[in-house]
Amino acid sequence: LYDLRPGMAEYDRAVEEFVHEARMLAAAQHPNIMELLGVVATDRLADGTPVPQWIVTELADVTLQGLMDRGRLALAQCRSIGVDVLKALEFVHHRGMLHRDLKPANVLLFGRELTAKLCDFGGARFVQRSVQTMT
């Protein structure tokens, strides 16, 4: 559950960024990307426009960062997590999207199999030119 900090709904930029993250998640539905379950709007602007308050997502067991903080990972775990993350990146890149914040804290792990799912699409952007030409 991501929430828009109390009082931030008054600032257009904060609301825009919050809505942007929800839209990017909605555009990135894939088994290795955190699932967007819904957006809750509890307030309205003066013109009646709903202001999103929460982004509701599935709940992970642990992040990759949390698992790494516990100690070394087995080679098989590293391989499996890496393949899952690459599948997610391949999916978004083929749709012209760049995640722009790939780090262990943004990789969620689920179940005994440690299925990896990419999260935090707040900085993600769609690009006009080919991803292959970007550095």
N, C-alpha and C. Protein backbone atom coordinates (compact mmCIF):
# COMPACT_ATOMS: atom_id res chain seq x y z
N LEU A 1 0.86 -1.18 0.00
CA LEU A 1 0.00 0.00 0.00
C LEU A 1 0.89 1.23 0.00
N TYR A 2 0.82 2.02 -1.04
CA TYR A 2 1.53 3.28 -1.11
C TYR A 2 0.52 4.36 -0.78
N ASP A 3 0.93 5.37 -0.03
CA ASP A 3 -0.02 6.44 0.26
C ASP A 3 0.58 7.78 -0.07
N LEU A 4 -0.32 8.70 -0.42
CA LEU A 4 0.06 10.08 -0.65
C LEU A 4 0.09 10.73 0.73
N ARG A 5 1.22 11.27 1.11
CA ARG A 5 1.36 11.83 2.46
C ARG A 5 0.26 12.86 2.74
N PRO A 6 -0.28 12.85 3.96
CA PRO A 6 -1.31 13.83 4.31
C PRO A 6 -0.81 15.25 4.04
N GLY A 7 -1.66 16.06 3.48
CA GLY A 7 -1.31 17.43 3.16
C GLY A 7 -0.68 17.59 1.78
N MET A 8 -0.17 16.50 1.18
CA MET A 8 0.48 16.59 -0.12
C MET A 8 -0.53 16.70 -1.26
N ALA A 9 -1.76 16.30 -1.02
CA ALA A 9 -2.78 16.34 -2.07
C ALA A 9 -3.01 17.77 -2.55
N GLU A 10 -2.63 18.74 -1.74
CA GLU A 10 -2.80 20.14 -2.12
C GLU A 10 -1.80 20.55 -3.20
N TYR A 11 -0.72 19.82 -3.33
CA TYR A 11 0.32 20.19 -4.28
C TYR A 11 0.14 19.41 -5.57
N ASP A 12 -0.12 20.13 -6.65
CA ASP A 12 -0.40 19.50 -7.94
C ASP A 12 0.69 18.53 -8.36
N ARG A 13 1.95 18.88 -8.16
CA ARG A 13 3.07 18.04 -8.60
C ARG A 13 3.06 16.70 -7.87
N ALA A 14 2.80 16.71 -6.57
CA ALA A 14 2.77 15.46 -5.80
C ALA A 14 1.65 14.56 -6.29
N VAL A 15 0.50 15.15 -6.57
CA VAL A 15 -0.64 14.37 -7.07
C VAL A 15 -0.31 13.82 -8.45
N GLU A 16 0.29 14.64 -9.31
CA GLU A 16 0.66 14.18 -10.65
C GLU A 16 1.61 13.00 -10.59
N GLU A 17 2.60 13.05 -9.71
CA GLU A 17 3.57 11.96 -9.59
C GLU A 17 2.91 10.70 -9.05
N PHE A 18 1.99 10.87 -8.13
CA PHE A 18 1.28 9.73 -7.56
C PHE A 18 0.43 9.05 -8.62
N VAL A 19 -0.30 9.84 -9.40
CA VAL A 19 -1.12 9.31 -10.48
C VAL A 19 -0.23 8.67 -11.55
N HIS A 20 0.92 9.29 -11.81
CA HIS A 20 1.86 8.74 -12.79
C HIS A 20 2.29 7.33 -12.40
N GLU A 21 2.64 7.12 -11.13
CA GLU A 21 3.07 5.80 -10.71
C GLU A 21 1.96 4.77 -10.88
N ALA A 22 0.75 5.14 -10.54
CA ALA A 22 -0.38 4.22 -10.71
C ALA A 22 -0.59 3.87 -12.18
N ARG A 23 -0.46 4.86 -13.05
CA ARG A 23 -0.64 4.62 -14.49
C ARG A 23 0.47 3.73 -15.04
N MET A 24 1.69 3.96 -14.60
CA MET A 24 2.80 3.14 -15.08
C MET A 24 2.63 1.69 -14.62
N LEU A 25 2.20 1.49 -13.39
CA LEU A 25 1.95 0.13 -12.90
C LEU A 25 0.83 -0.53 -13.69
N ALA A 26 -0.22 0.23 -13.97
CA ALA A 26 -1.34 -0.32 -14.73
C ALA A 26 -0.91 -0.72 -16.14
N ALA A 27 0.05 0.00 -16.70
CA ALA A 27 0.53 -0.29 -18.06
C ALA A 27 1.53 -1.44 -18.08
N ALA A 28 1.95 -1.89 -16.92
CA ALA A 28 3.01 -2.90 -16.84
C ALA A 28 2.52 -4.18 -16.16
N GLN A 29 1.45 -4.72 -16.64
CA GLN A 29 0.92 -5.95 -16.05
C GLN A 29 1.69 -7.15 -16.57
N HIS A 30 2.42 -7.80 -15.66
CA HIS A 30 3.28 -8.92 -16.01
C HIS A 30 3.51 -9.75 -14.75
N PRO A 31 3.72 -11.06 -14.87
CA PRO A 31 3.92 -11.90 -13.68
C PRO A 31 5.12 -11.50 -12.82
N ASN A 32 6.08 -10.75 -13.39
CA ASN A 32 7.26 -10.36 -12.62
C ASN A 32 7.28 -8.86 -12.31
N ILE A 33 6.09 -8.27 -12.31
CA ILE A 33 5.92 -6.87 -11.93
C ILE A 33 4.82 -6.81 -10.88
N MET A 34 5.07 -6.05 -9.81
CA MET A 34 4.12 -5.93 -8.73
C MET A 34 2.73 -5.61 -9.29
N GLU A 35 1.74 -6.34 -8.80
CA GLU A 35 0.38 -6.19 -9.31
C GLU A 35 -0.33 -5.00 -8.65
N LEU A 36 -0.89 -4.15 -9.50
CA LEU A 36 -1.72 -3.05 -9.04
C LEU A 36 -3.12 -3.58 -8.79
N LEU A 37 -3.59 -3.47 -7.56
CA LEU A 37 -4.93 -3.96 -7.22
C LEU A 37 -5.98 -2.86 -7.28
N GLY A 38 -5.55 -1.63 -7.11
CA GLY A 38 -6.51 -0.53 -7.18
C GLY A 38 -5.91 0.77 -6.70
N VAL A 39 -6.66 1.82 -6.93
CA VAL A 39 -6.31 3.16 -6.46
C VAL A 39 -7.51 3.68 -5.70
N VAL A 40 -7.28 4.20 -4.51
CA VAL A 40 -8.36 4.70 -3.67
C VAL A 40 -8.27 6.22 -3.61
N ALA A 41 -9.37 6.88 -3.94
CA ALA A 41 -9.45 8.34 -3.85
C ALA A 41 -10.47 8.69 -2.77
N THR A 42 -10.02 9.39 -1.75
CA THR A 42 -10.92 9.75 -0.64
C THR A 42 -11.26 11.23 -0.64
N ASP A 43 -10.52 12.03 -1.37
CA ASP A 43 -10.75 13.47 -1.41
C ASP A 43 -11.03 13.91 -2.83
N ARG A 44 -11.57 15.11 -2.95
CA ARG A 44 -11.81 15.70 -4.27
C ARG A 44 -11.29 17.13 -4.26
N LEU A 45 -10.79 17.55 -5.43
CA LEU A 45 -10.38 18.94 -5.58
C LEU A 45 -11.63 19.81 -5.69
N ALA A 46 -11.44 21.12 -5.67
CA ALA A 46 -12.57 22.05 -5.74
C ALA A 46 -13.43 21.82 -6.98
N ASP A 47 -12.79 21.37 -8.09
CA ASP A 47 -13.54 21.13 -9.32
C ASP A 47 -14.18 19.74 -9.37
N GLY A 48 -14.03 18.96 -8.29
CA GLY A 48 -14.64 17.64 -8.23
C GLY A 48 -13.73 16.50 -8.66
N THR A 49 -12.51 16.82 -9.11
CA THR A 49 -11.57 15.79 -9.54
C THR A 49 -11.13 14.95 -8.35
N PRO A 50 -11.23 13.61 -8.45
CA PRO A 50 -10.78 12.78 -7.33
C PRO A 50 -9.28 12.90 -7.12
N VAL A 51 -8.86 12.90 -5.88
CA VAL A 51 -7.45 12.93 -5.52
C VAL A 51 -7.08 11.55 -4.98
N PRO A 52 -6.19 10.85 -5.66
CA PRO A 52 -5.82 9.51 -5.18
C PRO A 52 -5.11 9.61 -3.83
N GLN A 53 -5.47 8.73 -2.94
CA GLN A 53 -4.87 8.73 -1.62
C GLN A 53 -3.96 7.52 -1.42
N TRP A 54 -4.34 6.38 -1.99
CA TRP A 54 -3.57 5.15 -1.84
C TRP A 54 -3.49 4.40 -3.15
N ILE A 55 -2.34 3.77 -3.38
CA ILE A 55 -2.17 2.79 -4.45
C ILE A 55 -2.12 1.45 -3.74
N VAL A 56 -3.03 0.55 -4.08
CA VAL A 56 -3.13 -0.74 -3.42
C VAL A 56 -2.45 -1.79 -4.30
N THR A 57 -1.48 -2.51 -3.70
CA THR A 57 -0.74 -3.53 -4.43
C THR A 57 -0.71 -4.82 -3.62
N GLU A 58 -0.20 -5.86 -4.25
CA GLU A 58 -0.03 -7.11 -3.53
C GLU A 58 1.05 -6.94 -2.46
N LEU A 59 1.02 -7.78 -1.45
CA LEU A 59 1.95 -7.71 -0.34
C LEU A 59 3.07 -8.73 -0.51
N ALA A 60 4.30 -8.25 -0.51
CA ALA A 60 5.46 -9.13 -0.68
C ALA A 60 5.90 -9.72 0.65
N ASP A 61 6.60 -10.84 0.57
CA ASP A 61 7.16 -11.46 1.76
C ASP A 61 8.42 -10.72 2.22
N VAL A 62 9.24 -10.28 1.27
CA VAL A 62 10.50 -9.60 1.58
C VAL A 62 11.00 -8.93 0.30
N THR A 63 11.88 -7.95 0.44
CA THR A 63 12.54 -7.37 -0.72
C THR A 63 13.87 -8.09 -0.93
N LEU A 64 14.43 -7.95 -2.10
CA LEU A 64 15.75 -8.52 -2.35
C LEU A 64 16.77 -7.89 -1.39
N GLN A 65 16.63 -6.60 -1.12
CA GLN A 65 17.54 -5.94 -0.17
C GLN A 65 17.43 -6.59 1.21
N GLY A 66 16.21 -6.86 1.66
CA GLY A 66 16.01 -7.50 2.95
C GLY A 66 16.63 -8.89 3.01
N LEU A 67 16.50 -9.63 1.92
CA LEU A 67 17.10 -10.97 1.86
C LEU A 67 18.62 -10.88 1.86
N MET A 68 19.17 -9.92 1.13
CA MET A 68 20.62 -9.73 1.08
C MET A 68 21.16 -9.32 2.45
N ASP A 69 20.38 -8.53 3.19
CA ASP A 69 20.82 -8.09 4.52
C ASP A 69 20.91 -9.25 5.50
N ARG A 70 20.21 -10.34 5.23
CA ARG A 70 20.24 -11.52 6.10
C ARG A 70 21.48 -12.38 5.86
N GLY A 71 22.14 -12.19 4.74
CA GLY A 71 23.35 -12.97 4.45
C GLY A 71 23.45 -13.31 2.98
N ARG A 72 24.37 -14.20 2.68
CA ARG A 72 24.64 -14.61 1.30
C ARG A 72 23.47 -15.38 0.72
N LEU A 73 23.29 -15.24 -0.59
CA LEU A 73 22.25 -15.97 -1.30
C LEU A 73 22.89 -17.13 -2.05
N ALA A 74 22.17 -18.20 -2.17
CA ALA A 74 22.64 -19.35 -2.95
C ALA A 74 22.65 -18.97 -4.42
N LEU A 75 23.55 -19.58 -5.18
CA LEU A 75 23.66 -19.31 -6.61
C LEU A 75 22.34 -19.53 -7.32
N ALA A 76 21.63 -20.60 -6.98
CA ALA A 76 20.34 -20.88 -7.62
C ALA A 76 19.33 -19.77 -7.34
N GLN A 77 19.35 -19.21 -6.13
CA GLN A 77 18.46 -18.11 -5.79
C GLN A 77 18.80 -16.88 -6.62
N CYS A 78 20.08 -16.57 -6.72
CA CYS A 78 20.54 -15.42 -7.51
C CYS A 78 20.11 -15.55 -8.96
N ARG A 79 20.30 -16.72 -9.50
CA ARG A 79 19.95 -16.98 -10.90
C ARG A 79 18.45 -16.80 -11.11
N SER A 80 17.65 -17.39 -10.26
CA SER A 80 16.19 -17.33 -10.38
C SER A 80 15.68 -15.89 -10.26
N ILE A 81 16.18 -15.18 -9.26
CA ILE A 81 15.77 -13.79 -9.06
C ILE A 81 16.21 -12.94 -10.25
N GLY A 82 17.44 -13.14 -10.70
CA GLY A 82 17.95 -12.39 -11.85
C GLY A 82 17.13 -12.61 -13.10
N VAL A 83 16.76 -13.86 -13.37
CA VAL A 83 15.94 -14.17 -14.55
C VAL A 83 14.57 -13.49 -14.44
N ASP A 84 13.96 -13.53 -13.25
CA ASP A 84 12.66 -12.87 -13.06
C ASP A 84 12.75 -11.37 -13.32
N VAL A 85 13.80 -10.73 -12.79
CA VAL A 85 13.97 -9.29 -12.98
C VAL A 85 14.19 -8.97 -14.46
N LEU A 86 15.00 -9.79 -15.12
CA LEU A 86 15.24 -9.57 -16.56
C LEU A 86 13.97 -9.73 -17.38
N LYS A 87 13.11 -10.67 -17.00
CA LYS A 87 11.82 -10.83 -17.69
C LYS A 87 10.97 -9.57 -17.54
N ALA A 88 10.95 -9.01 -16.34
CA ALA A 88 10.18 -7.79 -16.10
C ALA A 88 10.75 -6.63 -16.91
N LEU A 89 12.07 -6.48 -16.92
CA LEU A 89 12.69 -5.40 -17.68
C LEU A 89 12.48 -5.57 -19.17
N GLU A 90 12.58 -6.79 -19.65
CA GLU A 90 12.34 -7.04 -21.07
C GLU A 90 10.91 -6.63 -21.44
N PHE A 91 9.96 -6.97 -20.60
CA PHE A 91 8.56 -6.64 -20.84
C PHE A 91 8.36 -5.12 -20.94
N VAL A 92 8.87 -4.37 -19.95
CA VAL A 92 8.65 -2.93 -19.97
C VAL A 92 9.45 -2.25 -21.08
N HIS A 93 10.65 -2.74 -21.35
CA HIS A 93 11.46 -2.13 -22.41
C HIS A 93 10.84 -2.33 -23.78
N HIS A 94 10.23 -3.48 -24.02
CA HIS A 94 9.58 -3.71 -25.30
C HIS A 94 8.35 -2.83 -25.48
N ARG A 95 7.86 -2.26 -24.40
CA ARG A 95 6.73 -1.35 -24.46
C ARG A 95 7.18 0.12 -24.42
N GLY A 96 8.49 0.33 -24.53
CA GLY A 96 9.03 1.68 -24.57
C GLY A 96 9.12 2.36 -23.21
N MET A 97 9.19 1.58 -22.15
CA MET A 97 9.22 2.12 -20.80
C MET A 97 10.59 1.87 -20.16
N LEU A 98 11.09 2.88 -19.45
CA LEU A 98 12.31 2.72 -18.67
C LEU A 98 11.95 2.81 -17.20
N HIS A 99 12.43 1.87 -16.39
CA HIS A 99 12.13 1.85 -14.96
C HIS A 99 12.86 2.97 -14.23
N ARG A 100 14.13 3.13 -14.45
CA ARG A 100 15.00 4.20 -13.95
C ARG A 100 15.33 4.14 -12.46
N ASP A 101 14.95 3.08 -11.76
CA ASP A 101 15.31 2.99 -10.34
C ASP A 101 15.47 1.54 -9.92
N LEU A 102 16.24 0.80 -10.70
CA LEU A 102 16.45 -0.62 -10.42
C LEU A 102 17.48 -0.77 -9.29
N LYS A 103 17.05 -1.36 -8.19
CA LYS A 103 17.91 -1.61 -7.04
C LYS A 103 17.28 -2.73 -6.21
N PRO A 104 18.04 -3.37 -5.34
CA PRO A 104 17.52 -4.50 -4.56
C PRO A 104 16.26 -4.17 -3.75
N ALA A 105 16.14 -2.94 -3.27
CA ALA A 105 14.96 -2.56 -2.49
C ALA A 105 13.69 -2.51 -3.35
N ASN A 106 13.85 -2.43 -4.66
CA ASN A 106 12.69 -2.37 -5.57
C ASN A 106 12.41 -3.71 -6.24
N VAL A 107 12.96 -4.77 -5.68
CA VAL A 107 12.66 -6.13 -6.15
C VAL A 107 11.98 -6.85 -5.00
N LEU A 108 10.70 -7.18 -5.20
CA LEU A 108 9.92 -7.87 -4.18
C LEU A 108 10.03 -9.37 -4.39
N LEU A 109 10.02 -10.13 -3.30
CA LEU A 109 10.13 -11.59 -3.40
C LEU A 109 8.91 -12.23 -2.74
N PHE A 110 8.38 -13.26 -3.41
CA PHE A 110 7.15 -13.90 -2.98
C PHE A 110 7.33 -15.41 -2.84
N GLY A 111 6.77 -15.98 -1.77
CA GLY A 111 6.69 -17.43 -1.60
C GLY A 111 8.02 -18.11 -1.35
N ARG A 112 7.92 -19.42 -1.21
CA ARG A 112 9.13 -20.23 -0.96
C ARG A 112 10.06 -20.23 -2.16
N GLU A 113 9.46 -20.08 -3.35
CA GLU A 113 10.27 -20.08 -4.59
C GLU A 113 10.98 -18.76 -4.79
N LEU A 114 10.65 -17.75 -3.98
CA LEU A 114 11.21 -16.41 -4.10
C LEU A 114 11.00 -15.82 -5.50
N THR A 115 9.78 -15.90 -5.98
CA THR A 115 9.44 -15.27 -7.25
C THR A 115 9.68 -13.77 -7.12
N ALA A 116 10.46 -13.21 -8.04
CA ALA A 116 10.81 -11.79 -7.98
C ALA A 116 9.86 -10.97 -8.83
N LYS A 117 9.49 -9.80 -8.27
CA LYS A 117 8.64 -8.85 -8.98
C LYS A 117 9.20 -7.45 -8.79
N LEU A 118 9.29 -6.73 -9.88
CA LEU A 118 9.80 -5.36 -9.88
C LEU A 118 8.72 -4.42 -9.37
N CYS A 119 9.12 -3.44 -8.54
CA CYS A 119 8.16 -2.46 -8.03
C CYS A 119 8.75 -1.06 -8.14
N ASP A 120 8.03 -0.08 -7.64
CA ASP A 120 8.40 1.33 -7.61
C ASP A 120 8.57 1.90 -9.01
N PHE A 121 7.46 2.18 -9.63
CA PHE A 121 7.45 2.74 -10.98
C PHE A 121 7.24 4.26 -10.97
N GLY A 122 7.51 4.89 -9.82
CA GLY A 122 7.33 6.33 -9.70
C GLY A 122 8.26 7.12 -10.61
N GLY A 123 9.44 6.61 -10.88
CA GLY A 123 10.39 7.29 -11.75
C GLY A 123 10.38 6.78 -13.18
N ALA A 124 9.54 5.80 -13.46
CA ALA A 124 9.50 5.20 -14.81
C ALA A 124 8.97 6.21 -15.83
N ARG A 125 9.46 6.08 -17.03
CA ARG A 125 9.04 6.97 -18.12
C ARG A 125 8.91 6.18 -19.41
N PHE A 126 7.98 6.64 -20.26
CA PHE A 126 7.92 6.13 -21.62
C PHE A 126 8.90 6.95 -22.44
N VAL A 127 9.60 6.30 -23.36
CA VAL A 127 10.57 7.00 -24.20
C VAL A 127 10.11 6.96 -25.64
N GLN A 128 10.43 8.00 -26.38
CA GLN A 128 10.04 8.11 -27.77
C GLN A 128 10.97 7.35 -28.70
N ARG A 129 12.27 7.44 -28.40
CA ARG A 129 13.23 6.79 -29.30
C ARG A 129 13.51 5.36 -28.84
N SER A 130 14.18 4.65 -29.67
CA SER A 130 14.49 3.25 -29.39
C SER A 130 15.36 3.11 -28.15
N VAL A 131 15.02 2.14 -27.30
CA VAL A 131 15.81 1.88 -26.10
C VAL A 131 17.24 1.49 -26.47
N GLN A 132 17.45 0.85 -27.61
CA GLN A 132 18.78 0.41 -28.00
C GLN A 132 19.72 1.59 -28.23
N THR A 133 19.19 2.78 -28.53
CA THR A 133 20.06 3.92 -28.80
C THR A 133 20.38 4.71 -27.55
N MET A 134 19.80 4.33 -26.42
CA MET A 134 20.03 5.06 -25.18
C MET A 134 21.15 4.42 -24.38
N THR A 135 21.83 5.25 -23.59
CA THR A 135 22.89 4.72 -22.72
C THR A 135 22.37 4.58 -21.31
